[in-house]
Amino acid sequence: MNILTKLSSILLIAIALFSCSLGGPKPCFEMHCASLTEMDQILAGEDVLLSNCTDDALGYSWDFGDGNTSKLNSPHHVWEEAGTYTVILEAETEKKTKTIEKEIT
């Protein structure tokens, strides 16, 4: 094997490995409500917009940590009881699914 063939083989393997680790959606979201801007917290019973800023996903699954879920892109949600909840956004493409979690109180 000459040097050019070896380098080409190494380059092809590197590209294949690198491209496997990339791809898929990068889930992200922000929460918007009046109390967040005024007091930096979410109040029980308050309507909260979960603004989805994920790129390149085909579908979304939300788990609000209180037994409620949604498949909407950017849903509104109300936590009826005070407490600590883990909000999970799952973003899906044809080949990959990735999640992000945020804990709220």
PDB file of N, CA and C in Angstrom:
ATOM      1  N   MET A   1       0.841  -1.184   0.000  1.00  0.00           N
ATOM      2  CA  MET A   1       0.000   0.000   0.000  1.00  0.00           C
ATOM      3  C   MET A   1       0.882   1.242   0.000  1.00  0.00           C
ATOM      4  N   ASN A   2       0.618   2.122  -0.906  1.00  0.00           N
ATOM      5  CA  ASN A   2       1.429   3.334  -0.931  1.00  0.00           C
ATOM      6  C   ASN A   2       0.886   4.352   0.079  1.00  0.00           C
ATOM      7  N   ILE A   3       1.619   5.382   0.309  1.00  0.00           N
ATOM      8  CA  ILE A   3       1.275   6.376   1.326  1.00  0.00           C
ATOM      9  C   ILE A   3      -0.047   7.076   1.033  1.00  0.00           C
ATOM     10  N   LEU A   4      -0.327   7.352  -0.235  1.00  0.00           N
ATOM     11  CA  LEU A   4      -1.571   8.019  -0.604  1.00  0.00           C
ATOM     12  C   LEU A   4      -2.785   7.139  -0.295  1.00  0.00           C
ATOM     13  N   THR A   5      -2.672   5.870  -0.561  1.00  0.00           N
ATOM     14  CA  THR A   5      -3.763   4.928  -0.272  1.00  0.00           C
ATOM     15  C   THR A   5      -3.993   4.834   1.236  1.00  0.00           C
ATOM     16  N   LYS A   6      -2.909   4.773   2.005  1.00  0.00           N
ATOM     17  CA  LYS A   6      -3.030   4.701   3.464  1.00  0.00           C
ATOM     18  C   LYS A   6      -3.698   5.964   4.016  1.00  0.00           C
ATOM     19  N   LEU A   7      -3.255   7.123   3.541  1.00  0.00           N
ATOM     20  CA  LEU A   7      -3.846   8.378   4.008  1.00  0.00           C
ATOM     21  C   LEU A   7      -5.321   8.477   3.635  1.00  0.00           C
ATOM     22  N   SER A   8      -5.668   8.030   2.441  1.00  0.00           N
ATOM     23  CA  SER A   8      -7.069   8.051   2.011  1.00  0.00           C
ATOM     24  C   SER A   8      -7.917   7.158   2.901  1.00  0.00           C
ATOM     25  N   SER A   9      -7.397   5.979   3.218  1.00  0.00           N
ATOM     26  CA  SER A   9      -8.124   5.049   4.088  1.00  0.00           C
ATOM     27  C   SER A   9      -8.336   5.640   5.476  1.00  0.00           C
ATOM     28  N   ILE A  10      -7.291   6.244   6.024  1.00  0.00           N
ATOM     29  CA  ILE A  10      -7.386   6.871   7.352  1.00  0.00           C
ATOM     30  C   ILE A  10      -8.394   8.014   7.329  1.00  0.00           C
ATOM     31  N   LEU A  11      -8.364   8.811   6.279  1.00  0.00           N
ATOM     32  CA  LEU A  11      -9.291   9.926   6.155  1.00  0.00           C
ATOM     33  C   LEU A  11     -10.739   9.437   6.066  1.00  0.00           C
ATOM     34  N   LEU A  12     -10.983   8.404   5.283  1.00  0.00           N
ATOM     35  CA  LEU A  12     -12.342   7.858   5.165  1.00  0.00           C
ATOM     36  C   LEU A  12     -12.845   7.304   6.498  1.00  0.00           C
ATOM     37  N   ILE A  13     -11.999   6.618   7.234  1.00  0.00           N
ATOM     38  CA  ILE A  13     -12.384   6.087   8.556  1.00  0.00           C
ATOM     39  C   ILE A  13     -12.676   7.236   9.512  1.00  0.00           C
ATOM     40  N   ALA A  14     -11.843   8.254   9.514  1.00  0.00           N
ATOM     41  CA  ALA A  14     -12.049   9.410  10.397  1.00  0.00           C
ATOM     42  C   ALA A  14     -13.357  10.113  10.072  1.00  0.00           C
ATOM     43  N   ILE A  15     -13.660  10.289   8.799  1.00  0.00           N
ATOM     44  CA  ILE A  15     -14.911  10.944   8.399  1.00  0.00           C
ATOM     45  C   ILE A  15     -16.103  10.107   8.845  1.00  0.00           C
ATOM     46  N   ALA A  16     -16.032   8.801   8.667  1.00  0.00           N
ATOM     47  CA  ALA A  16     -17.132   7.922   9.065  1.00  0.00           C
ATOM     48  C   ALA A  16     -17.359   7.974  10.569  1.00  0.00           C
ATOM     49  N   LEU A  17     -16.290   7.912  11.352  1.00  0.00           N
ATOM     50  CA  LEU A  17     -16.436   7.969  12.810  1.00  0.00           C
ATOM     51  C   LEU A  17     -16.951   9.323  13.267  1.00  0.00           C
ATOM     52  N   PHE A  18     -16.446  10.394  12.702  1.00  0.00           N
ATOM     53  CA  PHE A  18     -16.860  11.735  13.085  1.00  0.00           C
ATOM     54  C   PHE A  18     -18.317  11.982  12.729  1.00  0.00           C
ATOM     55  N   SER A  19     -18.742  11.549  11.555  1.00  0.00           N
ATOM     56  CA  SER A  19     -20.117  11.794  11.133  1.00  0.00           C
ATOM     57  C   SER A  19     -21.107  10.973  11.957  1.00  0.00           C
ATOM     58  N   CYS A  20     -20.699   9.831  12.485  1.00  0.00           N
ATOM     59  CA  CYS A  20     -21.590   9.032  13.335  1.00  0.00           C
ATOM     60  C   CYS A  20     -21.847   9.731  14.665  1.00  0.00           C
ATOM     61  N   SER A  21     -20.880  10.476  15.153  1.00  0.00           N
ATOM     62  CA  SER A  21     -21.060  11.151  16.433  1.00  0.00           C
ATOM     63  C   SER A  21     -21.842  12.453  16.289  1.00  0.00           C
ATOM     64  N   LEU A  22     -21.924  12.960  15.058  1.00  0.00           N
ATOM     65  CA  LEU A  22     -22.678  14.178  14.808  1.00  0.00           C
ATOM     66  C   LEU A  22     -24.072  13.827  14.345  1.00  0.00           C
ATOM     67  N   GLY A  23     -24.805  14.826  14.031  1.00  0.00           N
ATOM     68  CA  GLY A  23     -26.127  14.591  13.469  1.00  0.00           C
ATOM     69  C   GLY A  23     -27.181  14.521  14.542  1.00  0.00           C
ATOM     70  N   GLY A  24     -28.381  14.537  14.082  1.00  0.00           N
ATOM     71  CA  GLY A  24     -29.491  14.507  15.007  1.00  0.00           C
ATOM     72  C   GLY A  24     -29.782  15.889  15.535  1.00  0.00           C
ATOM     73  N   PRO A  25     -30.923  16.020  16.127  1.00  0.00           N
ATOM     74  CA  PRO A  25     -31.328  17.326  16.647  1.00  0.00           C
ATOM     75  C   PRO A  25     -30.545  17.700  17.898  1.00  0.00           C
ATOM     76  N   LYS A  26     -30.470  18.977  18.155  1.00  0.00           N
ATOM     77  CA  LYS A  26     -29.884  19.479  19.400  1.00  0.00           C
ATOM     78  C   LYS A  26     -31.015  20.141  20.181  1.00  0.00           C
ATOM     79  N   PRO A  27     -31.664  19.377  21.062  1.00  0.00           N
ATOM     80  CA  PRO A  27     -32.834  19.921  21.752  1.00  0.00           C
ATOM     81  C   PRO A  27     -32.491  21.120  22.634  1.00  0.00           C
ATOM     82  N   CYS A  28     -33.371  22.107  22.618  1.00  0.00           N
ATOM     83  CA  CYS A  28     -33.247  23.244  23.520  1.00  0.00           C
ATOM     84  C   CYS A  28     -34.630  23.874  23.683  1.00  0.00           C
ATOM     85  N   PHE A  29     -34.841  24.469  24.843  1.00  0.00           N
ATOM     86  CA  PHE A  29     -36.085  25.195  25.069  1.00  0.00           C
ATOM     87  C   PHE A  29     -35.881  26.241  26.144  1.00  0.00           C
ATOM     88  N   GLU A  30     -36.753  27.236  26.097  1.00  0.00           N
ATOM     89  CA  GLU A  30     -36.772  28.300  27.103  1.00  0.00           C
ATOM     90  C   GLU A  30     -38.181  28.379  27.662  1.00  0.00           C
ATOM     91  N   MET A  31     -38.280  28.810  28.901  1.00  0.00           N
ATOM     92  CA  MET A  31     -39.591  28.982  29.528  1.00  0.00           C
ATOM     93  C   MET A  31     -39.901  30.464  29.666  1.00  0.00           C
ATOM     94  N   HIS A  32     -41.149  30.829  29.338  1.00  0.00           N
ATOM     95  CA  HIS A  32     -41.560  32.225  29.392  1.00  0.00           C
ATOM     96  C   HIS A  32     -42.863  32.349  30.175  1.00  0.00           C
ATOM     97  N   CYS A  33     -42.862  33.224  31.166  1.00  0.00           N
ATOM     98  CA  CYS A  33     -44.073  33.570  31.910  1.00  0.00           C
ATOM     99  C   CYS A  33     -43.801  34.856  32.685  1.00  0.00           C
ATOM    100  N   ALA A  34     -44.857  35.470  33.178  1.00  0.00           N
ATOM    101  CA  ALA A  34     -44.733  36.768  33.848  1.00  0.00           C
ATOM    102  C   ALA A  34     -43.848  36.702  35.088  1.00  0.00           C
ATOM    103  N   SER A  35     -43.989  35.670  35.898  1.00  0.00           N
ATOM    104  CA  SER A  35     -43.221  35.627  37.146  1.00  0.00           C
ATOM    105  C   SER A  35     -41.731  35.416  36.898  1.00  0.00           C
ATOM    106  N   LEU A  36     -41.360  34.773  35.799  1.00  0.00           N
ATOM    107  CA  LEU A  36     -39.930  34.604  35.506  1.00  0.00           C
ATOM    108  C   LEU A  36     -39.267  35.950  35.251  1.00  0.00           C
ATOM    109  N   THR A  37     -39.971  36.848  34.578  1.00  0.00           N
ATOM    110  CA  THR A  37     -39.376  38.156  34.311  1.00  0.00           C
ATOM    111  C   THR A  37     -39.416  39.052  35.543  1.00  0.00           C
ATOM    112  N   GLU A  38     -40.403  38.846  36.405  1.00  0.00           N
ATOM    113  CA  GLU A  38     -40.526  39.696  37.593  1.00  0.00           C
ATOM    114  C   GLU A  38     -39.765  39.165  38.802  1.00  0.00           C
ATOM    115  N   MET A  39     -39.836  37.836  39.029  1.00  0.00           N
ATOM    116  CA  MET A  39     -39.265  37.269  40.252  1.00  0.00           C
ATOM    117  C   MET A  39     -38.286  36.137  40.016  1.00  0.00           C
ATOM    118  N   ASP A  40     -37.993  35.801  38.759  1.00  0.00           N
ATOM    119  CA  ASP A  40     -37.074  34.724  38.427  1.00  0.00           C
ATOM    120  C   ASP A  40     -37.526  33.373  38.977  1.00  0.00           C
ATOM    121  N   GLN A  41     -38.845  33.148  38.972  1.00  0.00           N
ATOM    122  CA  GLN A  41     -39.391  31.857  39.386  1.00  0.00           C
ATOM    123  C   GLN A  41     -40.744  31.636  38.724  1.00  0.00           C
ATOM    124  N   ILE A  42     -41.172  30.392  38.712  1.00  0.00           N
ATOM    125  CA  ILE A  42     -42.488  30.047  38.169  1.00  0.00           C
ATOM    126  C   ILE A  42     -43.415  29.797  39.339  1.00  0.00           C
ATOM    127  N   LEU A  43     -44.592  30.374  39.280  1.00  0.00           N
ATOM    128  CA  LEU A  43     -45.574  30.193  40.349  1.00  0.00           C
ATOM    129  C   LEU A  43     -46.535  29.071  39.995  1.00  0.00           C
ATOM    130  N   ALA A  44     -46.963  28.300  40.993  1.00  0.00           N
ATOM    131  CA  ALA A  44     -47.969  27.264  40.775  1.00  0.00           C
ATOM    132  C   ALA A  44     -49.227  27.921  40.221  1.00  0.00           C
ATOM    133  N   GLY A  45     -49.838  27.282  39.229  1.00  0.00           N
ATOM    134  CA  GLY A  45     -51.053  27.804  38.621  1.00  0.00           C
ATOM    135  C   GLY A  45     -50.827  28.807  37.508  1.00  0.00           C
ATOM    136  N   GLU A  46     -49.580  29.136  37.223  1.00  0.00           N
ATOM    137  CA  GLU A  46     -49.274  30.121  36.189  1.00  0.00           C
ATOM    138  C   GLU A  46     -49.074  29.442  34.834  1.00  0.00           C
ATOM    139  N   ASP A  47     -49.614  30.062  33.773  1.00  0.00           N
ATOM    140  CA  ASP A  47     -49.439  29.556  32.414  1.00  0.00           C
ATOM    141  C   ASP A  47     -48.013  29.843  31.953  1.00  0.00           C
ATOM    142  N   VAL A  48     -47.312  28.796  31.519  1.00  0.00           N
ATOM    143  CA  VAL A  48     -45.921  28.910  31.087  1.00  0.00           C
ATOM    144  C   VAL A  48     -45.818  28.454  29.630  1.00  0.00           C
ATOM    145  N   LEU A  49     -45.182  29.263  28.795  1.00  0.00           N
ATOM    146  CA  LEU A  49     -44.889  28.874  27.428  1.00  0.00           C
ATOM    147  C   LEU A  49     -43.517  28.218  27.407  1.00  0.00           C
ATOM    148  N   LEU A  50     -43.444  27.006  26.884  1.00  0.00           N
ATOM    149  CA  LEU A  50     -42.171  26.322  26.699  1.00  0.00           C
ATOM    150  C   LEU A  50     -41.799  26.506  25.236  1.00  0.00           C
ATOM    151  N   SER A  51     -40.908  27.439  24.992  1.00  0.00           N
ATOM    152  CA  SER A  51     -40.531  27.840  23.638  1.00  0.00           C
ATOM    153  C   SER A  51     -39.416  26.936  23.130  1.00  0.00           C
ATOM    154  N   ASN A  52     -39.733  26.130  22.136  1.00  0.00           N
ATOM    155  CA  ASN A  52     -38.815  25.151  21.586  1.00  0.00           C
ATOM    156  C   ASN A  52     -37.873  25.834  20.590  1.00  0.00           C
ATOM    157  N   CYS A  53     -36.570  25.735  20.820  1.00  0.00           N
ATOM    158  CA  CYS A  53     -35.581  26.329  19.911  1.00  0.00           C
ATOM    159  C   CYS A  53     -34.722  25.246  19.244  1.00  0.00           C
ATOM    160  N   THR A  54     -35.262  24.025  19.151  1.00  0.00           N
ATOM    161  CA  THR A  54     -34.563  22.902  18.537  1.00  0.00           C
ATOM    162  C   THR A  54     -34.552  23.054  17.019  1.00  0.00           C
ATOM    163  N   ASP A  55     -33.409  22.769  16.406  1.00  0.00           N
ATOM    164  CA  ASP A  55     -33.295  22.774  14.944  1.00  0.00           C
ATOM    165  C   ASP A  55     -33.316  21.346  14.414  1.00  0.00           C
ATOM    166  N   ASP A  56     -33.856  21.175  13.227  1.00  0.00           N
ATOM    167  CA  ASP A  56     -33.752  19.936  12.455  1.00  0.00           C
ATOM    168  C   ASP A  56     -34.441  18.724  13.070  1.00  0.00           C
ATOM    169  N   ALA A  57     -35.503  18.899  13.822  1.00  0.00           N
ATOM    170  CA  ALA A  57     -36.247  17.752  14.350  1.00  0.00           C
ATOM    171  C   ALA A  57     -37.561  17.608  13.589  1.00  0.00           C
ATOM    172  N   LEU A  58     -38.058  16.394  13.541  1.00  0.00           N
ATOM    173  CA  LEU A  58     -39.324  16.109  12.864  1.00  0.00           C
ATOM    174  C   LEU A  58     -40.481  15.974  13.850  1.00  0.00           C
ATOM    175  N   GLY A  59     -40.167  15.647  15.101  1.00  0.00           N
ATOM    176  CA  GLY A  59     -41.205  15.479  16.105  1.00  0.00           C
ATOM    177  C   GLY A  59     -40.680  15.759  17.492  1.00  0.00           C
ATOM    178  N   TYR A  60     -41.606  16.047  18.403  1.00  0.00           N
ATOM    179  CA  TYR A  60     -41.230  16.411  19.768  1.00  0.00           C
ATOM    180  C   TYR A  60     -42.122  15.691  20.766  1.00  0.00           C
ATOM    181  N   SER A  61     -41.535  15.331  21.893  1.00  0.00           N
ATOM    182  CA  SER A  61     -42.281  14.765  23.007  1.00  0.00           C
ATOM    183  C   SER A  61     -41.851  15.505  24.265  1.00  0.00           C
ATOM    184  N   TRP A  62     -42.825  16.022  24.990  1.00  0.00           N
ATOM    185  CA  TRP A  62     -42.564  16.740  26.235  1.00  0.00           C
ATOM    186  C   TRP A  62     -43.084  15.914  27.403  1.00  0.00           C
ATOM    187  N   ASP A  63     -42.332  15.903  28.487  1.00  0.00           N
ATOM    188  CA  ASP A  63     -42.778  15.354  29.765  1.00  0.00           C
ATOM    189  C   ASP A  63     -42.557  16.472  30.775  1.00  0.00           C
ATOM    190  N   PHE A  64     -43.642  16.921  31.391  1.00  0.00           N
ATOM    191  CA  PHE A  64     -43.561  18.072  32.293  1.00  0.00           C
ATOM    192  C   PHE A  64     -43.222  17.691  33.737  1.00  0.00           C
ATOM    193  N   GLY A  65     -43.067  16.404  33.995  1.00  0.00           N
ATOM    194  CA  GLY A  65     -42.656  15.965  35.322  1.00  0.00           C
ATOM    195  C   GLY A  65     -43.783  15.884  36.335  1.00  0.00           C
ATOM    196  N   ASP A  66     -45.001  16.194  35.907  1.00  0.00           N
ATOM    197  CA  ASP A  66     -46.150  16.140  36.810  1.00  0.00           C
ATOM    198  C   ASP A  66     -47.220  15.161  36.321  1.00  0.00           C
ATOM    199  N   GLY A  67     -46.813  14.267  35.412  1.00  0.00           N
ATOM    200  CA  GLY A  67     -47.749  13.303  34.857  1.00  0.00           C
ATOM    201  C   GLY A  67     -48.375  13.745  33.550  1.00  0.00           C
ATOM    202  N   ASN A  68     -48.114  14.964  33.113  1.00  0.00           N
ATOM    203  CA  ASN A  68     -48.657  15.481  31.856  1.00  0.00           C
ATOM    204  C   ASN A  68     -47.584  15.485  30.777  1.00  0.00           C
ATOM    205  N   THR A  69     -48.029  15.289  29.527  1.00  0.00           N
ATOM    206  CA  THR A  69     -47.125  15.255  28.383  1.00  0.00           C
ATOM    207  C   THR A  69     -47.739  16.039  27.224  1.00  0.00           C
ATOM    208  N   SER A  70     -46.938  16.268  26.189  1.00  0.00           N
ATOM    209  CA  SER A  70     -47.414  16.955  24.997  1.00  0.00           C
ATOM    210  C   SER A  70     -46.559  16.542  23.802  1.00  0.00           C
ATOM    211  N   LYS A  71     -47.131  16.626  22.609  1.00  0.00           N
ATOM    212  CA  LYS A  71     -46.404  16.392  21.355  1.00  0.00           C
ATOM    213  C   LYS A  71     -46.302  17.682  20.544  1.00  0.00           C
ATOM    214  N   LEU A  72     -46.759  18.803  21.112  1.00  0.00           N
ATOM    215  CA  LEU A  72     -46.709  20.081  20.414  1.00  0.00           C
ATOM    216  C   LEU A  72     -45.276  20.595  20.322  1.00  0.00           C
ATOM    217  N   ASN A  73     -45.021  21.446  19.343  1.00  0.00           N
ATOM    218  CA  ASN A  73     -43.704  22.050  19.170  1.00  0.00           C
ATOM    219  C   ASN A  73     -43.333  22.926  20.368  1.00  0.00           C
ATOM    220  N   SER A  74     -44.175  23.889  20.690  1.00  0.00           N
ATOM    221  CA  SER A  74     -43.939  24.826  21.806  1.00  0.00           C
ATOM    222  C   SER A  74     -45.216  24.929  22.631  1.00  0.00           C
ATOM    223  N   PRO A  75     -45.409  24.006  23.560  1.00  0.00           N
ATOM    224  CA  PRO A  75     -46.661  23.972  24.317  1.00  0.00           C
ATOM    225  C   PRO A  75     -46.694  24.988  25.457  1.00  0.00           C
ATOM    226  N   HIS A  76     -47.896  25.224  25.926  1.00  0.00           N
ATOM    227  CA  HIS A  76     -48.123  25.938  27.186  1.00  0.00           C
ATOM    228  C   HIS A  76     -48.385  24.875  28.246  1.00  0.00           C
ATOM    229  N   HIS A  77     -47.993  25.155  29.485  1.00  0.00           N
ATOM    230  CA  HIS A  77     -48.274  24.215  30.577  1.00  0.00           C
ATOM    231  C   HIS A  77     -48.466  24.978  31.885  1.00  0.00           C
ATOM    232  N   VAL A  78     -49.278  24.393  32.754  1.00  0.00           N
ATOM    233  CA  VAL A  78     -49.517  24.946  34.089  1.00  0.00           C
ATOM    234  C   VAL A  78     -49.198  23.851  35.104  1.00  0.00           C
ATOM    235  N   TRP A  79     -48.280  24.128  36.012  1.00  0.00           N
ATOM    236  CA  TRP A  79     -48.028  23.231  37.137  1.00  0.00           C
ATOM    237  C   TRP A  79     -48.962  23.676  38.250  1.00  0.00           C
ATOM    238  N   GLU A  80     -49.897  22.832  38.601  1.00  0.00           N
ATOM    239  CA  GLU A  80     -50.937  23.188  39.575  1.00  0.00           C
ATOM    240  C   GLU A  80     -50.421  23.231  41.006  1.00  0.00           C
ATOM    241  N   GLU A  81     -49.422  22.430  41.317  1.00  0.00           N
ATOM    242  CA  GLU A  81     -48.899  22.338  42.681  1.00  0.00           C
ATOM    243  C   GLU A  81     -47.457  22.845  42.729  1.00  0.00           C
ATOM    244  N   ALA A  82     -47.113  23.504  43.821  1.00  0.00           N
ATOM    245  CA  ALA A  82     -45.725  23.925  44.018  1.00  0.00           C
ATOM    246  C   ALA A  82     -44.865  22.678  44.189  1.00  0.00           C
ATOM    247  N   GLY A  83     -43.631  22.731  43.738  1.00  0.00           N
ATOM    248  CA  GLY A  83     -42.729  21.591  43.877  1.00  0.00           C
ATOM    249  C   GLY A  83     -41.573  21.696  42.902  1.00  0.00           C
ATOM    250  N   THR A  84     -40.792  20.632  42.840  1.00  0.00           N
ATOM    251  CA  THR A  84     -39.672  20.538  41.916  1.00  0.00           C
ATOM    252  C   THR A  84     -40.028  19.517  40.844  1.00  0.00           C
ATOM    253  N   TYR A  85     -39.878  19.904  39.585  1.00  0.00           N
ATOM    254  CA  TYR A  85     -40.244  19.063  38.455  1.00  0.00           C
ATOM    255  C   TYR A  85     -39.087  19.010  37.469  1.00  0.00           C
ATOM    256  N   THR A  86     -38.952  17.859  36.807  1.00  0.00           N
ATOM    257  CA  THR A  86     -37.973  17.721  35.735  1.00  0.00           C
ATOM    258  C   THR A  86     -38.731  17.753  34.416  1.00  0.00           C
ATOM    259  N   VAL A  87     -38.451  18.771  33.605  1.00  0.00           N
ATOM    260  CA  VAL A  87     -39.063  18.911  32.288  1.00  0.00           C
ATOM    261  C   VAL A  87     -38.121  18.264  31.277  1.00  0.00           C
ATOM    262  N   ILE A  88     -38.670  17.361  30.467  1.00  0.00           N
ATOM    263  CA  ILE A  88     -37.869  16.652  29.471  1.00  0.00           C
ATOM    264  C   ILE A  88     -38.437  16.933  28.086  1.00  0.00           C
ATOM    265  N   LEU A  89     -37.570  17.359  27.187  1.00  0.00           N
ATOM    266  CA  LEU A  89     -37.914  17.517  25.782  1.00  0.00           C
ATOM    267  C   LEU A  89     -37.140  16.472  24.990  1.00  0.00           C
ATOM    268  N   GLU A  90     -37.863  15.661  24.238  1.00  0.00           N
ATOM    269  CA  GLU A  90     -37.263  14.660  23.368  1.00  0.00           C
ATOM    270  C   GLU A  90     -37.503  15.114  21.928  1.00  0.00           C
ATOM    271  N   ALA A  91     -36.428  15.289  21.170  1.00  0.00           N
ATOM    272  CA  ALA A  91     -36.516  15.712  19.775  1.00  0.00           C
ATOM    273  C   ALA A  91     -36.104  14.538  18.891  1.00  0.00           C
ATOM    274  N   GLU A  92     -36.910  14.299  17.844  1.00  0.00           N
ATOM    275  CA  GLU A  92     -36.699  13.125  17.008  1.00  0.00           C
ATOM    276  C   GLU A  92     -36.468  13.504  15.544  1.00  0.00           C
ATOM    277  N   THR A  93     -35.582  12.760  14.902  1.00  0.00           N
ATOM    278  CA  THR A  93     -35.452  12.791  13.451  1.00  0.00           C
ATOM    279  C   THR A  93     -35.768  11.372  12.975  1.00  0.00           C
ATOM    280  N   GLU A  94     -35.572  11.114  11.700  1.00  0.00           N
ATOM    281  CA  GLU A  94     -35.815   9.760  11.191  1.00  0.00           C
ATOM    282  C   GLU A  94     -34.850   8.752  11.803  1.00  0.00           C
ATOM    283  N   LYS A  95     -33.646   9.196  12.162  1.00  0.00           N
ATOM    284  CA  LYS A  95     -32.613   8.264  12.612  1.00  0.00           C
ATOM    285  C   LYS A  95     -32.205   8.412  14.074  1.00  0.00           C
ATOM    286  N   LYS A  96     -32.406   9.589  14.658  1.00  0.00           N
ATOM    287  CA  LYS A  96     -31.895   9.819  16.018  1.00  0.00           C
ATOM    288  C   LYS A  96     -32.943  10.482  16.891  1.00  0.00           C
ATOM    289  N   THR A  97     -32.816  10.219  18.178  1.00  0.00           N
ATOM    290  CA  THR A  97     -33.634  10.882  19.181  1.00  0.00           C
ATOM    291  C   THR A  97     -32.688  11.396  20.263  1.00  0.00           C
ATOM    292  N   LYS A  98     -32.840  12.661  20.618  1.00  0.00           N
ATOM    293  CA  LYS A  98     -32.011  13.242  21.679  1.00  0.00           C
ATOM    294  C   LYS A  98     -32.925  13.968  22.661  1.00  0.00           C
ATOM    295  N   THR A  99     -32.466  14.050  23.906  1.00  0.00           N
ATOM    296  CA  THR A  99     -33.275  14.685  24.951  1.00  0.00           C
ATOM    297  C   THR A  99     -32.473  15.750  25.690  1.00  0.00           C
ATOM    298  N   ILE A 100     -33.238  16.647  26.304  1.00  0.00           N
ATOM    299  CA  ILE A 100     -32.674  17.636  27.212  1.00  0.00           C
ATOM    300  C   ILE A 100     -33.598  17.679  28.424  1.00  0.00           C
ATOM    301  N   GLU A 101     -33.017  17.851  29.592  1.00  0.00           N
ATOM    302  CA  GLU A 101     -33.783  17.937  30.837  1.00  0.00           C
ATOM    303  C   GLU A 101     -33.448  19.222  31.557  1.00  0.00           C
ATOM    304  N   LYS A 102     -34.481  19.828  32.153  1.00  0.00           N
ATOM    305  CA  LYS A 102     -34.283  21.000  33.009  1.00  0.00           C
ATOM    306  C   LYS A 102     -35.139  20.818  34.255  1.00  0.00           C
ATOM    307  N   GLU A 103     -34.540  21.078  35.385  1.00  0.00           N
ATOM    308  CA  GLU A 103     -35.282  20.999  36.639  1.00  0.00           C
ATOM    309  C   GLU A 103     -35.820  22.388  36.981  1.00  0.00           C
ATOM    310  N   ILE A 104     -37.092  22.424  37.350  1.00  0.00           N
ATOM    311  CA  ILE A 104     -37.708  23.701  37.750  1.00  0.00           C
ATOM    312  C   ILE A 104     -38.307  23.537  39.138  1.00  0.00           C
ATOM    313  N   THR A 105     -38.400  24.644  39.846  1.00  0.00           N
ATOM    314  CA  THR A 105     -39.011  24.642  41.171  1.00  0.00           C
ATOM    315  C   THR A 105     -40.123  25.664  41.206  1.00  0.00           C
TER     316      THR A 105
END
